[in-house]
Amino acid sequence: MTHIPNFNALTVGERFIVKWQYNMLGGFNTALIEIIQRADILNLSQLSKGFPDEVAAYQCFQEIENWWPEVQRKAGIVE
């Protein structure tokens, strides 16, 4: 990481992914990302009811090209 992330510039979901990618998550959120990664489509749908921002951001991270680099730029991590 070249800079400290500007978390104020990020959505809840984007902050969750940045913290995950830079090993900044704590106990519960570490377990949450592990469950999100392992969930099938049906369970992911259920998880999204309780954690909509986190699940949506993870899906963007996985499925949308250039989403992650854009979040890094938005957070001021990379230029």
N, C-alpha and C. Protein backbone atom coordinates (compact mmCIF):
# COMPACT_ATOMS: atom_id res chain seq x y z
N MET A 1 0.85 -1.16 0.00
CA MET A 1 0.00 0.00 0.00
C MET A 1 0.89 1.23 0.00
N THR A 2 0.62 2.14 -0.89
CA THR A 2 1.45 3.33 -0.99
C THR A 2 0.97 4.47 -0.10
N HIS A 3 -0.33 4.51 0.19
CA HIS A 3 -0.90 5.56 1.02
C HIS A 3 -1.89 4.95 2.00
N ILE A 4 -2.18 5.68 3.07
CA ILE A 4 -3.25 5.26 3.98
C ILE A 4 -4.58 5.53 3.28
N PRO A 5 -5.47 4.55 3.27
CA PRO A 5 -6.74 4.74 2.56
C PRO A 5 -7.57 5.89 3.13
N ASN A 6 -8.21 6.63 2.24
CA ASN A 6 -9.15 7.67 2.63
C ASN A 6 -10.52 7.01 2.73
N PHE A 7 -10.83 6.44 3.89
CA PHE A 7 -12.08 5.71 4.05
C PHE A 7 -13.30 6.60 3.91
N ASN A 8 -13.16 7.89 4.15
CA ASN A 8 -14.29 8.80 4.01
C ASN A 8 -14.78 8.91 2.57
N ALA A 9 -13.92 8.62 1.62
CA ALA A 9 -14.28 8.71 0.21
C ALA A 9 -15.00 7.46 -0.29
N LEU A 10 -15.10 6.44 0.55
CA LEU A 10 -15.61 5.13 0.12
C LEU A 10 -16.98 4.83 0.69
N THR A 11 -17.70 3.97 -0.02
CA THR A 11 -18.96 3.45 0.51
C THR A 11 -18.65 2.40 1.56
N VAL A 12 -19.66 1.96 2.29
CA VAL A 12 -19.49 0.92 3.30
C VAL A 12 -18.90 -0.34 2.66
N GLY A 13 -19.44 -0.73 1.53
CA GLY A 13 -18.96 -1.93 0.84
C GLY A 13 -17.54 -1.79 0.34
N GLU A 14 -17.22 -0.64 -0.21
CA GLU A 14 -15.85 -0.41 -0.69
C GLU A 14 -14.85 -0.45 0.46
N ARG A 15 -15.22 0.15 1.59
CA ARG A 15 -14.34 0.09 2.78
C ARG A 15 -14.10 -1.35 3.21
N PHE A 16 -15.14 -2.16 3.19
CA PHE A 16 -15.04 -3.57 3.56
C PHE A 16 -14.04 -4.29 2.66
N ILE A 17 -14.11 -4.05 1.37
CA ILE A 17 -13.20 -4.72 0.43
C ILE A 17 -11.78 -4.20 0.60
N VAL A 18 -11.59 -2.91 0.78
CA VAL A 18 -10.24 -2.36 0.99
C VAL A 18 -9.63 -2.98 2.25
N LYS A 19 -10.39 -3.01 3.31
CA LYS A 19 -9.87 -3.60 4.56
C LYS A 19 -9.53 -5.07 4.38
N TRP A 20 -10.35 -5.79 3.63
CA TRP A 20 -10.08 -7.20 3.34
C TRP A 20 -8.78 -7.35 2.54
N GLN A 21 -8.66 -6.58 1.48
CA GLN A 21 -7.49 -6.70 0.60
C GLN A 21 -6.19 -6.30 1.28
N TYR A 22 -6.28 -5.42 2.27
CA TYR A 22 -5.08 -4.96 2.96
C TYR A 22 -4.97 -5.54 4.38
N ASN A 23 -5.67 -6.66 4.61
CA ASN A 23 -5.60 -7.38 5.90
C ASN A 23 -5.87 -6.47 7.09
N MET A 24 -6.91 -5.69 7.00
CA MET A 24 -7.27 -4.77 8.07
C MET A 24 -8.58 -5.15 8.75
N LEU A 25 -9.18 -6.26 8.35
CA LEU A 25 -10.45 -6.67 8.95
C LEU A 25 -10.22 -7.26 10.33
N GLY A 26 -11.22 -7.12 11.19
CA GLY A 26 -11.17 -7.72 12.51
C GLY A 26 -11.96 -9.02 12.54
N GLY A 27 -12.09 -9.61 13.70
CA GLY A 27 -12.68 -10.92 13.90
C GLY A 27 -13.95 -11.22 13.13
N PHE A 28 -15.05 -10.53 13.42
CA PHE A 28 -16.31 -10.82 12.77
C PHE A 28 -16.22 -10.61 11.26
N ASN A 29 -15.66 -9.49 10.84
CA ASN A 29 -15.59 -9.19 9.41
C ASN A 29 -14.67 -10.15 8.66
N THR A 30 -13.66 -10.66 9.32
CA THR A 30 -12.81 -11.68 8.70
C THR A 30 -13.63 -12.94 8.45
N ALA A 31 -14.43 -13.33 9.44
CA ALA A 31 -15.30 -14.50 9.27
C ALA A 31 -16.34 -14.23 8.20
N LEU A 32 -16.87 -13.01 8.14
CA LEU A 32 -17.88 -12.66 7.15
C LEU A 32 -17.33 -12.78 5.73
N ILE A 33 -16.16 -12.26 5.47
CA ILE A 33 -15.61 -12.35 4.11
C ILE A 33 -15.33 -13.80 3.74
N GLU A 34 -14.90 -14.60 4.70
CA GLU A 34 -14.66 -16.02 4.42
C GLU A 34 -15.96 -16.73 4.05
N ILE A 35 -17.03 -16.41 4.76
CA ILE A 35 -18.33 -17.01 4.46
C ILE A 35 -18.83 -16.53 3.11
N ILE A 36 -18.70 -15.24 2.83
CA ILE A 36 -19.14 -14.70 1.54
C ILE A 36 -18.40 -15.40 0.40
N GLN A 37 -17.10 -15.60 0.55
CA GLN A 37 -16.31 -16.25 -0.49
C GLN A 37 -16.74 -17.69 -0.74
N ARG A 38 -17.17 -18.37 0.30
CA ARG A 38 -17.53 -19.80 0.20
C ARG A 38 -18.98 -20.05 -0.16
N ALA A 39 -19.81 -19.03 -0.04
CA ALA A 39 -21.25 -19.21 -0.22
C ALA A 39 -21.62 -19.50 -1.67
N ASP A 40 -22.59 -20.41 -1.83
CA ASP A 40 -23.16 -20.62 -3.15
C ASP A 40 -24.17 -19.51 -3.42
N ILE A 41 -24.76 -19.50 -4.59
CA ILE A 41 -25.64 -18.40 -5.00
C ILE A 41 -26.83 -18.23 -4.07
N LEU A 42 -27.39 -19.34 -3.61
CA LEU A 42 -28.54 -19.30 -2.71
C LEU A 42 -28.16 -18.70 -1.36
N ASN A 43 -27.07 -19.16 -0.79
CA ASN A 43 -26.63 -18.63 0.50
C ASN A 43 -26.11 -17.20 0.39
N LEU A 44 -25.53 -16.86 -0.74
CA LEU A 44 -25.09 -15.48 -0.96
C LEU A 44 -26.30 -14.54 -0.96
N SER A 45 -27.38 -15.01 -1.55
CA SER A 45 -28.62 -14.24 -1.55
C SER A 45 -29.11 -14.02 -0.12
N GLN A 46 -29.03 -15.03 0.70
CA GLN A 46 -29.43 -14.92 2.10
C GLN A 46 -28.50 -13.97 2.86
N LEU A 47 -27.21 -14.11 2.63
CA LEU A 47 -26.24 -13.22 3.29
C LEU A 47 -26.48 -11.76 2.92
N SER A 48 -26.89 -11.53 1.68
CA SER A 48 -27.10 -10.15 1.23
C SER A 48 -28.26 -9.48 1.94
N LYS A 49 -29.14 -10.26 2.55
CA LYS A 49 -30.24 -9.65 3.31
C LYS A 49 -29.73 -9.00 4.58
N GLY A 50 -28.72 -9.59 5.19
CA GLY A 50 -28.17 -9.02 6.42
C GLY A 50 -26.98 -8.11 6.19
N PHE A 51 -26.27 -8.35 5.09
CA PHE A 51 -25.04 -7.60 4.79
C PHE A 51 -25.05 -7.17 3.32
N PRO A 52 -26.02 -6.33 2.94
CA PRO A 52 -26.16 -5.99 1.52
C PRO A 52 -24.95 -5.25 0.93
N ASP A 53 -24.37 -4.34 1.69
CA ASP A 53 -23.23 -3.57 1.17
C ASP A 53 -22.01 -4.45 0.95
N GLU A 54 -21.74 -5.31 1.90
CA GLU A 54 -20.57 -6.17 1.85
C GLU A 54 -20.67 -7.18 0.72
N VAL A 55 -21.83 -7.82 0.59
CA VAL A 55 -22.03 -8.81 -0.47
C VAL A 55 -21.98 -8.15 -1.84
N ALA A 56 -22.65 -7.01 -1.99
CA ALA A 56 -22.66 -6.32 -3.28
C ALA A 56 -21.24 -5.89 -3.68
N ALA A 57 -20.49 -5.38 -2.73
CA ALA A 57 -19.11 -4.95 -3.03
C ALA A 57 -18.25 -6.15 -3.41
N TYR A 58 -18.41 -7.26 -2.72
CA TYR A 58 -17.65 -8.47 -3.06
C TYR A 58 -17.99 -8.92 -4.48
N GLN A 59 -19.27 -8.88 -4.83
CA GLN A 59 -19.67 -9.27 -6.18
C GLN A 59 -19.08 -8.32 -7.22
N CYS A 60 -19.04 -7.03 -6.92
CA CYS A 60 -18.40 -6.07 -7.83
C CYS A 60 -16.92 -6.39 -7.97
N PHE A 61 -16.27 -6.67 -6.85
CA PHE A 61 -14.85 -7.01 -6.85
C PHE A 61 -14.59 -8.21 -7.76
N GLN A 62 -15.47 -9.19 -7.69
CA GLN A 62 -15.29 -10.43 -8.46
C GLN A 62 -15.69 -10.30 -9.93
N GLU A 63 -16.70 -9.50 -10.21
CA GLU A 63 -17.33 -9.54 -11.53
C GLU A 63 -17.13 -8.33 -12.43
N ILE A 64 -16.82 -7.19 -11.87
CA ILE A 64 -16.75 -5.97 -12.69
C ILE A 64 -15.29 -5.61 -12.96
N GLU A 65 -14.95 -5.63 -14.23
CA GLU A 65 -13.58 -5.30 -14.64
C GLU A 65 -13.25 -3.86 -14.23
N ASN A 66 -12.09 -3.68 -13.67
CA ASN A 66 -11.56 -2.38 -13.23
C ASN A 66 -12.25 -1.79 -12.02
N TRP A 67 -13.16 -2.54 -11.40
CA TRP A 67 -13.82 -2.02 -10.19
C TRP A 67 -12.79 -1.82 -9.08
N TRP A 68 -11.95 -2.81 -8.83
CA TRP A 68 -10.97 -2.73 -7.76
C TRP A 68 -9.96 -1.61 -7.99
N PRO A 69 -9.37 -1.49 -9.16
CA PRO A 69 -8.44 -0.37 -9.38
C PRO A 69 -9.11 1.00 -9.17
N GLU A 70 -10.37 1.09 -9.54
CA GLU A 70 -11.09 2.36 -9.35
C GLU A 70 -11.30 2.65 -7.85
N VAL A 71 -11.61 1.62 -7.09
CA VAL A 71 -11.78 1.81 -5.64
C VAL A 71 -10.45 2.22 -5.02
N GLN A 72 -9.38 1.60 -5.45
CA GLN A 72 -8.05 1.97 -4.93
C GLN A 72 -7.73 3.43 -5.23
N ARG A 73 -8.05 3.87 -6.43
CA ARG A 73 -7.82 5.28 -6.79
C ARG A 73 -8.71 6.20 -5.95
N LYS A 74 -9.98 5.82 -5.82
CA LYS A 74 -10.94 6.61 -5.05
C LYS A 74 -10.47 6.78 -3.60
N ALA A 75 -9.86 5.73 -3.07
CA ALA A 75 -9.38 5.75 -1.69
C ALA A 75 -8.03 6.44 -1.55
N GLY A 76 -7.42 6.80 -2.68
CA GLY A 76 -6.12 7.44 -2.64
C GLY A 76 -4.97 6.49 -2.36
N ILE A 77 -5.20 5.19 -2.57
CA ILE A 77 -4.17 4.19 -2.31
C ILE A 77 -3.16 4.16 -3.44
N VAL A 78 -3.66 4.27 -4.65
CA VAL A 78 -2.79 4.34 -5.83
C VAL A 78 -3.21 5.55 -6.65
N GLU A 79 -2.35 5.97 -7.52
CA GLU A 79 -2.66 7.13 -8.37
C GLU A 79 -3.17 6.68 -9.71
